[in-house]
Amino acid sequence: MTFKKICKIIAVIAALCALAAAAYYAVKKLTDKDEPEYFDDNDFFECDNDLEIVEVEDEPEEPKEEKKKAAPKKKAAKKDAE
């Protein structure tokens, strides 16, 4: 066997392995259940948990003015149709 033929055989075997790995990864990715990741807040920042609680009073909301459409115009239109 020549060197070129051996290289071609190795290349074909490597390509088949790559295709098998890609198919395995795709099937595993599509059929795998999505599990939620839980993070600990202490991993992201240091906190001494000495927080000051401040209470804020809610301000009463002002009533909004609603614009009403004129209802008599509809009644007048009905009377004209009769």
PDB file of N, CA and C in Angstrom:
ATOM      1  N   MET A   1       0.842  -1.173   0.000  1.00  0.00           N
ATOM      2  CA  MET A   1       0.000   0.000   0.000  1.00  0.00           C
ATOM      3  C   MET A   1       0.895   1.246   0.000  1.00  0.00           C
ATOM      4  N   THR A   2       0.414   2.224  -0.694  1.00  0.00           N
ATOM      5  CA  THR A   2       1.200   3.440  -0.766  1.00  0.00           C
ATOM      6  C   THR A   2       0.810   4.378   0.379  1.00  0.00           C
ATOM      7  N   PHE A   3       1.628   5.376   0.576  1.00  0.00           N
ATOM      8  CA  PHE A   3       1.409   6.343   1.651  1.00  0.00           C
ATOM      9  C   PHE A   3       0.125   7.138   1.429  1.00  0.00           C
ATOM     10  N   LYS A   4      -0.190   7.482   0.168  1.00  0.00           N
ATOM     11  CA  LYS A   4      -1.394   8.241  -0.148  1.00  0.00           C
ATOM     12  C   LYS A   4      -2.653   7.449   0.197  1.00  0.00           C
ATOM     13  N   LYS A   5      -2.640   6.173  -0.068  1.00  0.00           N
ATOM     14  CA  LYS A   5      -3.800   5.333   0.205  1.00  0.00           C
ATOM     15  C   LYS A   5      -4.027   5.215   1.713  1.00  0.00           C
ATOM     16  N   ILE A   6      -2.943   5.103   2.485  1.00  0.00           N
ATOM     17  CA  ILE A   6      -3.063   5.017   3.951  1.00  0.00           C
ATOM     18  C   ILE A   6      -3.637   6.328   4.495  1.00  0.00           C
ATOM     19  N   CYS A   7      -3.190   7.453   3.965  1.00  0.00           N
ATOM     20  CA  CYS A   7      -3.697   8.763   4.404  1.00  0.00           C
ATOM     21  C   CYS A   7      -5.178   8.909   4.081  1.00  0.00           C
ATOM     22  N   LYS A   8      -5.615   8.427   2.929  1.00  0.00           N
ATOM     23  CA  LYS A   8      -7.023   8.506   2.551  1.00  0.00           C
ATOM     24  C   LYS A   8      -7.881   7.661   3.488  1.00  0.00           C
ATOM     25  N   ILE A   9      -7.410   6.479   3.851  1.00  0.00           N
ATOM     26  CA  ILE A   9      -8.153   5.594   4.752  1.00  0.00           C
ATOM     27  C   ILE A   9      -8.285   6.243   6.132  1.00  0.00           C
ATOM     28  N   ILE A  10      -7.195   6.853   6.612  1.00  0.00           N
ATOM     29  CA  ILE A  10      -7.239   7.521   7.910  1.00  0.00           C
ATOM     30  C   ILE A  10      -8.191   8.716   7.861  1.00  0.00           C
ATOM     31  N   ALA A  11      -8.202   9.446   6.759  1.00  0.00           N
ATOM     32  CA  ALA A  11      -9.093  10.593   6.611  1.00  0.00           C
ATOM     33  C   ALA A  11     -10.560  10.162   6.602  1.00  0.00           C
ATOM     34  N   VAL A  12     -10.846   9.047   5.924  1.00  0.00           N
ATOM     35  CA  VAL A  12     -12.216   8.540   5.881  1.00  0.00           C
ATOM     36  C   VAL A  12     -12.667   8.112   7.274  1.00  0.00           C
ATOM     37  N   ILE A  13     -11.802   7.424   8.014  1.00  0.00           N
ATOM     38  CA  ILE A  13     -12.134   6.989   9.381  1.00  0.00           C
ATOM     39  C   ILE A  13     -12.377   8.217  10.277  1.00  0.00           C
ATOM     40  N   ALA A  14     -11.535   9.244  10.153  1.00  0.00           N
ATOM     41  CA  ALA A  14     -11.706  10.458  10.955  1.00  0.00           C
ATOM     42  C   ALA A  14     -13.019  11.168  10.610  1.00  0.00           C
ATOM     43  N   ALA A  15     -13.381  11.202   9.346  1.00  0.00           N
ATOM     44  CA  ALA A  15     -14.625  11.839   8.924  1.00  0.00           C
ATOM     45  C   ALA A  15     -15.833  11.092   9.460  1.00  0.00           C
ATOM     46  N   LEU A  16     -15.789   9.753   9.425  1.00  0.00           N
ATOM     47  CA  LEU A  16     -16.893   8.952   9.966  1.00  0.00           C
ATOM     48  C   LEU A  16     -17.036   9.165  11.466  1.00  0.00           C
ATOM     49  N   CYS A  17     -15.926   9.254  12.174  1.00  0.00           N
ATOM     50  CA  CYS A  17     -15.970   9.515  13.618  1.00  0.00           C
ATOM     51  C   CYS A  17     -16.570  10.895  13.902  1.00  0.00           C
ATOM     52  N   ALA A  18     -16.208  11.877  13.102  1.00  0.00           N
ATOM     53  CA  ALA A  18     -16.746  13.224  13.278  1.00  0.00           C
ATOM     54  C   ALA A  18     -18.251  13.260  13.023  1.00  0.00           C
ATOM     55  N   LEU A  19     -18.709  12.559  11.984  1.00  0.00           N
ATOM     56  CA  LEU A  19     -20.145  12.485  11.706  1.00  0.00           C
ATOM     57  C   LEU A  19     -20.904  11.792  12.831  1.00  0.00           C
ATOM     58  N   ALA A  20     -20.329  10.709  13.353  1.00  0.00           N
ATOM     59  CA  ALA A  20     -20.972   9.990  14.457  1.00  0.00           C
ATOM     60  C   ALA A  20     -21.048  10.881  15.700  1.00  0.00           C
ATOM     61  N   ALA A  21     -19.980  11.618  15.982  1.00  0.00           N
ATOM     62  CA  ALA A  21     -19.975  12.502  17.143  1.00  0.00           C
ATOM     63  C   ALA A  21     -20.992  13.631  16.969  1.00  0.00           C
ATOM     64  N   ALA A  22     -21.108  14.183  15.783  1.00  0.00           N
ATOM     65  CA  ALA A  22     -22.069  15.247  15.520  1.00  0.00           C
ATOM     66  C   ALA A  22     -23.501  14.736  15.673  1.00  0.00           C
ATOM     67  N   ALA A  23     -23.781  13.546  15.161  1.00  0.00           N
ATOM     68  CA  ALA A  23     -25.119  12.960  15.289  1.00  0.00           C
ATOM     69  C   ALA A  23     -25.449  12.687  16.750  1.00  0.00           C
ATOM     70  N   TYR A  24     -24.498  12.164  17.501  1.00  0.00           N
ATOM     71  CA  TYR A  24     -24.701  11.877  18.923  1.00  0.00           C
ATOM     72  C   TYR A  24     -24.990  13.169  19.686  1.00  0.00           C
ATOM     73  N   TYR A  25     -24.206  14.212  19.427  1.00  0.00           N
ATOM     74  CA  TYR A  25     -24.391  15.487  20.104  1.00  0.00           C
ATOM     75  C   TYR A  25     -25.759  16.093  19.772  1.00  0.00           C
ATOM     76  N   ALA A  26     -26.168  16.026  18.501  1.00  0.00           N
ATOM     77  CA  ALA A  26     -27.454  16.588  18.087  1.00  0.00           C
ATOM     78  C   ALA A  26     -28.613  15.854  18.751  1.00  0.00           C
ATOM     79  N   VAL A  27     -28.561  14.529  18.775  1.00  0.00           N
ATOM     80  CA  VAL A  27     -29.633  13.748  19.400  1.00  0.00           C
ATOM     81  C   VAL A  27     -29.684  14.022  20.895  1.00  0.00           C
ATOM     82  N   LYS A  28     -28.538  14.082  21.525  1.00  0.00           N
ATOM     83  CA  LYS A  28     -28.488  14.330  22.963  1.00  0.00           C
ATOM     84  C   LYS A  28     -29.005  15.730  23.280  1.00  0.00           C
ATOM     85  N   LYS A  29     -28.664  16.715  22.484  1.00  0.00           N
ATOM     86  CA  LYS A  29     -29.086  18.096  22.716  1.00  0.00           C
ATOM     87  C   LYS A  29     -30.597  18.241  22.528  1.00  0.00           C
ATOM     88  N   LEU A  30     -31.162  17.567  21.540  1.00  0.00           N
ATOM     89  CA  LEU A  30     -32.589  17.691  21.267  1.00  0.00           C
ATOM     90  C   LEU A  30     -33.457  16.929  22.256  1.00  0.00           C
ATOM     91  N   THR A  31     -32.975  15.813  22.772  1.00  0.00           N
ATOM     92  CA  THR A  31     -33.794  14.986  23.648  1.00  0.00           C
ATOM     93  C   THR A  31     -33.509  15.198  25.125  1.00  0.00           C
ATOM     94  N   ASP A  32     -32.500  15.965  25.467  1.00  0.00           N
ATOM     95  CA  ASP A  32     -32.139  16.180  26.864  1.00  0.00           C
ATOM     96  C   ASP A  32     -33.142  17.123  27.519  1.00  0.00           C
ATOM     97  N   LYS A  33     -33.524  16.845  28.772  1.00  0.00           N
ATOM     98  CA  LYS A  33     -34.431  17.713  29.503  1.00  0.00           C
ATOM     99  C   LYS A  33     -33.685  18.962  29.949  1.00  0.00           C
ATOM    100  N   ASP A  34     -34.393  20.095  29.877  1.00  0.00           N
ATOM    101  CA  ASP A  34     -33.798  21.349  30.332  1.00  0.00           C
ATOM    102  C   ASP A  34     -33.989  21.460  31.836  1.00  0.00           C
ATOM    103  N   GLU A  35     -32.888  21.395  32.569  1.00  0.00           N
ATOM    104  CA  GLU A  35     -32.953  21.538  34.009  1.00  0.00           C
ATOM    105  C   GLU A  35     -32.531  22.955  34.367  1.00  0.00           C
ATOM    106  N   PRO A  36     -33.254  23.582  35.282  1.00  0.00           N
ATOM    107  CA  PRO A  36     -32.897  24.955  35.644  1.00  0.00           C
ATOM    108  C   PRO A  36     -31.574  25.002  36.400  1.00  0.00           C
ATOM    109  N   GLU A  37     -30.840  26.079  36.165  1.00  0.00           N
ATOM    110  CA  GLU A  37     -29.589  26.270  36.883  1.00  0.00           C
ATOM    111  C   GLU A  37     -29.858  27.136  38.093  1.00  0.00           C
ATOM    112  N   TYR A  38     -29.379  26.686  39.229  1.00  0.00           N
ATOM    113  CA  TYR A  38     -29.552  27.449  40.448  1.00  0.00           C
ATOM    114  C   TYR A  38     -28.213  28.070  40.822  1.00  0.00           C
ATOM    115  N   PHE A  39     -28.249  29.376  41.100  1.00  0.00           N
ATOM    116  CA  PHE A  39     -27.045  30.094  41.461  1.00  0.00           C
ATOM    117  C   PHE A  39     -27.173  30.596  42.892  1.00  0.00           C
ATOM    118  N   ASP A  40     -26.072  30.599  43.580  1.00  0.00           N
ATOM    119  CA  ASP A  40     -26.014  31.157  44.914  1.00  0.00           C
ATOM    120  C   ASP A  40     -25.600  32.621  44.785  1.00  0.00           C
ATOM    121  N   ASP A  41     -26.357  33.519  45.396  1.00  0.00           N
ATOM    122  CA  ASP A  41     -26.045  34.945  45.280  1.00  0.00           C
ATOM    123  C   ASP A  41     -24.667  35.278  45.829  1.00  0.00           C
ATOM    124  N   ASN A  42     -24.205  34.512  46.779  1.00  0.00           N
ATOM    125  CA  ASN A  42     -22.910  34.801  47.378  1.00  0.00           C
ATOM    126  C   ASN A  42     -21.755  34.514  46.417  1.00  0.00           C
ATOM    127  N   ASP A  43     -22.034  33.809  45.338  1.00  0.00           N
ATOM    128  CA  ASP A  43     -20.992  33.546  44.343  1.00  0.00           C
ATOM    129  C   ASP A  43     -20.680  34.793  43.521  1.00  0.00           C
ATOM    130  N   PHE A  44     -21.632  35.713  43.433  1.00  0.00           N
ATOM    131  CA  PHE A  44     -21.476  36.859  42.561  1.00  0.00           C
ATOM    132  C   PHE A  44     -20.981  38.110  43.275  1.00  0.00           C
ATOM    133  N   PHE A  45     -21.353  38.280  44.533  1.00  0.00           N
ATOM    134  CA  PHE A  45     -20.900  39.459  45.264  1.00  0.00           C
ATOM    135  C   PHE A  45     -20.842  39.125  46.748  1.00  0.00           C
ATOM    136  N   GLU A  46     -20.025  39.873  47.435  1.00  0.00           N
ATOM    137  CA  GLU A  46     -19.914  39.678  48.867  1.00  0.00           C
ATOM    138  C   GLU A  46     -20.975  40.521  49.551  1.00  0.00           C
ATOM    139  N   CYS A  47     -21.619  39.951  50.527  1.00  0.00           N
ATOM    140  CA  CYS A  47     -22.683  40.652  51.224  1.00  0.00           C
ATOM    141  C   CYS A  47     -22.585  40.324  52.705  1.00  0.00           C
ATOM    142  N   ASP A  48     -22.602  41.347  53.529  1.00  0.00           N
ATOM    143  CA  ASP A  48     -22.520  41.101  54.962  1.00  0.00           C
ATOM    144  C   ASP A  48     -23.901  40.983  55.595  1.00  0.00           C
ATOM    145  N   ASN A  49     -24.952  41.119  54.801  1.00  0.00           N
ATOM    146  CA  ASN A  49     -26.342  40.950  55.220  1.00  0.00           C
ATOM    147  C   ASN A  49     -26.751  41.905  56.335  1.00  0.00           C
ATOM    148  N   ASP A  50     -26.069  43.040  56.471  1.00  0.00           N
ATOM    149  CA  ASP A  50     -26.467  44.073  57.421  1.00  0.00           C
ATOM    150  C   ASP A  50     -27.192  45.169  56.648  1.00  0.00           C
ATOM    151  N   LEU A  51     -28.370  44.850  56.170  1.00  0.00           N
ATOM    152  CA  LEU A  51     -29.118  45.786  55.349  1.00  0.00           C
ATOM    153  C   LEU A  51     -30.054  46.608  56.218  1.00  0.00           C
ATOM    154  N   GLU A  52     -30.197  47.871  55.895  1.00  0.00           N
ATOM    155  CA  GLU A  52     -31.091  48.750  56.619  1.00  0.00           C
ATOM    156  C   GLU A  52     -32.427  48.773  55.887  1.00  0.00           C
ATOM    157  N   ILE A  53     -33.503  48.537  56.617  1.00  0.00           N
ATOM    158  CA  ILE A  53     -34.832  48.509  56.019  1.00  0.00           C
ATOM    159  C   ILE A  53     -35.460  49.884  56.200  1.00  0.00           C
ATOM    160  N   VAL A  54     -35.855  50.478  55.109  1.00  0.00           N
ATOM    161  CA  VAL A  54     -36.461  51.802  55.126  1.00  0.00           C
ATOM    162  C   VAL A  54     -37.892  51.665  54.631  1.00  0.00           C
ATOM    163  N   GLU A  55     -38.846  52.132  55.436  1.00  0.00           N
ATOM    164  CA  GLU A  55     -40.244  52.063  55.037  1.00  0.00           C
ATOM    165  C   GLU A  55     -40.649  53.375  54.394  1.00  0.00           C
ATOM    166  N   VAL A  56     -41.336  53.316  53.291  1.00  0.00           N
ATOM    167  CA  VAL A  56     -41.764  54.499  52.558  1.00  0.00           C
ATOM    168  C   VAL A  56     -43.284  54.493  52.513  1.00  0.00           C
ATOM    169  N   GLU A  57     -43.867  55.650  52.849  1.00  0.00           N
ATOM    170  CA  GLU A  57     -45.323  55.755  52.804  1.00  0.00           C
ATOM    171  C   GLU A  57     -45.758  55.989  51.368  1.00  0.00           C
ATOM    172  N   ASP A  58     -46.830  55.315  50.974  1.00  0.00           N
ATOM    173  CA  ASP A  58     -47.350  55.490  49.625  1.00  0.00           C
ATOM    174  C   ASP A  58     -48.171  56.768  49.567  1.00  0.00           C
ATOM    175  N   GLU A  59     -47.969  57.545  48.515  1.00  0.00           N
ATOM    176  CA  GLU A  59     -48.748  58.753  48.316  1.00  0.00           C
ATOM    177  C   GLU A  59     -50.063  58.377  47.636  1.00  0.00           C
ATOM    178  N   PRO A  60     -51.180  58.979  48.074  1.00  0.00           N
ATOM    179  CA  PRO A  60     -52.465  58.637  47.431  1.00  0.00           C
ATOM    180  C   PRO A  60     -52.468  59.112  45.981  1.00  0.00           C
ATOM    181  N   GLU A  61     -53.033  58.296  45.143  1.00  0.00           N
ATOM    182  CA  GLU A  61     -53.090  58.644  43.727  1.00  0.00           C
ATOM    183  C   GLU A  61     -54.224  59.624  43.474  1.00  0.00           C
ATOM    184  N   GLU A  62     -53.987  60.571  42.590  1.00  0.00           N
ATOM    185  CA  GLU A  62     -55.011  61.535  42.240  1.00  0.00           C
ATOM    186  C   GLU A  62     -55.978  60.897  41.247  1.00  0.00           C
ATOM    187  N   PRO A  63     -57.280  61.135  41.408  1.00  0.00           N
ATOM    188  CA  PRO A  63     -58.240  60.535  40.456  1.00  0.00           C
ATOM    189  C   PRO A  63     -58.050  61.130  39.068  1.00  0.00           C
ATOM    190  N   LYS A  64     -58.098  60.279  38.099  1.00  0.00           N
ATOM    191  CA  LYS A  64     -57.923  60.721  36.721  1.00  0.00           C
ATOM    192  C   LYS A  64     -59.262  61.196  36.161  1.00  0.00           C
ATOM    193  N   GLU A  65     -59.213  62.264  35.409  1.00  0.00           N
ATOM    194  CA  GLU A  65     -60.427  62.782  34.793  1.00  0.00           C
ATOM    195  C   GLU A  65     -60.683  62.016  33.497  1.00  0.00           C
ATOM    196  N   GLU A  66     -61.892  61.524  33.367  1.00  0.00           N
ATOM    197  CA  GLU A  66     -62.258  60.773  32.176  1.00  0.00           C
ATOM    198  C   GLU A  66     -63.143  61.640  31.292  1.00  0.00           C
ATOM    199  N   LYS A  67     -62.844  61.640  30.048  1.00  0.00           N
ATOM    200  CA  LYS A  67     -63.661  62.392  29.101  1.00  0.00           C
ATOM    201  C   LYS A  67     -64.776  61.492  28.598  1.00  0.00           C
ATOM    202  N   LYS A  68     -65.978  62.014  28.646  1.00  0.00           N
ATOM    203  CA  LYS A  68     -67.125  61.226  28.187  1.00  0.00           C
ATOM    204  C   LYS A  68     -67.594  61.783  26.853  1.00  0.00           C
ATOM    205  N   LYS A  69     -67.982  60.889  25.975  1.00  0.00           N
ATOM    206  CA  LYS A  69     -68.521  61.309  24.682  1.00  0.00           C
ATOM    207  C   LYS A  69     -69.988  61.691  24.863  1.00  0.00           C
ATOM    208  N   ALA A  70     -70.436  62.559  24.063  1.00  0.00           N
ATOM    209  CA  ALA A  70     -71.812  63.042  24.178  1.00  0.00           C
ATOM    210  C   ALA A  70     -72.775  61.959  23.725  1.00  0.00           C
ATOM    211  N   ALA A  71     -73.593  61.493  24.636  1.00  0.00           N
ATOM    212  CA  ALA A  71     -74.571  60.466  24.340  1.00  0.00           C
ATOM    213  C   ALA A  71     -75.789  61.018  23.616  1.00  0.00           C
ATOM    214  N   PRO A  72     -76.200  62.253  23.856  1.00  0.00           N
ATOM    215  CA  PRO A  72     -77.414  62.756  23.184  1.00  0.00           C
ATOM    216  C   PRO A  72     -77.316  62.763  21.668  1.00  0.00           C
ATOM    217  N   LYS A  73     -76.128  62.862  21.129  1.00  0.00           N
ATOM    218  CA  LYS A  73     -75.989  62.863  19.676  1.00  0.00           C
ATOM    219  C   LYS A  73     -76.470  61.553  19.079  1.00  0.00           C
ATOM    220  N   LYS A  74     -76.205  60.451  19.765  1.00  0.00           N
ATOM    221  CA  LYS A  74     -76.659  59.153  19.258  1.00  0.00           C
ATOM    222  C   LYS A  74     -78.176  59.061  19.274  1.00  0.00           C
ATOM    223  N   LYS A  75     -78.789  59.585  20.345  1.00  0.00           N
ATOM    224  CA  LYS A  75     -80.246  59.542  20.428  1.00  0.00           C
ATOM    225  C   LYS A  75     -80.860  60.427  19.346  1.00  0.00           C
ATOM    226  N   ALA A  76     -80.231  61.571  19.120  1.00  0.00           N
ATOM    227  CA  ALA A  76     -80.737  62.482  18.094  1.00  0.00           C
ATOM    228  C   ALA A  76     -80.639  61.846  16.711  1.00  0.00           C
ATOM    229  N   ALA A  77     -79.580  61.095  16.471  1.00  0.00           N
ATOM    230  CA  ALA A  77     -79.420  60.439  15.175  1.00  0.00           C
ATOM    231  C   ALA A  77     -80.490  59.384  14.987  1.00  0.00           C
ATOM    232  N   LYS A  78     -80.854  58.691  16.063  1.00  0.00           N
ATOM    233  CA  LYS A  78     -81.916  57.673  15.951  1.00  0.00           C
ATOM    234  C   LYS A  78     -83.265  58.317  15.675  1.00  0.00           C
ATOM    235  N   LYS A  79     -83.519  59.470  16.295  1.00  0.00           N
ATOM    236  CA  LYS A  79     -84.793  60.147  16.092  1.00  0.00           C
ATOM    237  C   LYS A  79     -84.927  60.646  14.653  1.00  0.00           C
ATOM    238  N   ASP A  80     -83.805  61.101  14.083  1.00  0.00           N
ATOM    239  CA  ASP A  80     -83.834  61.587  12.699  1.00  0.00           C
ATOM    240  C   ASP A  80     -84.086  60.440  11.714  1.00  0.00           C
ATOM    241  N   ALA A  81     -83.647  59.238  12.055  1.00  0.00           N
ATOM    242  CA  ALA A  81     -83.818  58.097  11.166  1.00  0.00           C
ATOM    243  C   ALA A  81     -85.277  57.644  11.127  1.00  0.00           C
ATOM    244  N   GLU A  82     -86.027  57.919  12.196  1.00  0.00           N
ATOM    245  CA  GLU A  82     -87.432  57.463  12.247  1.00  0.00           C
ATOM    246  C   GLU A  82     -88.305  58.328  11.474  1.00  0.00           C
TER     247      GLU A  82
END
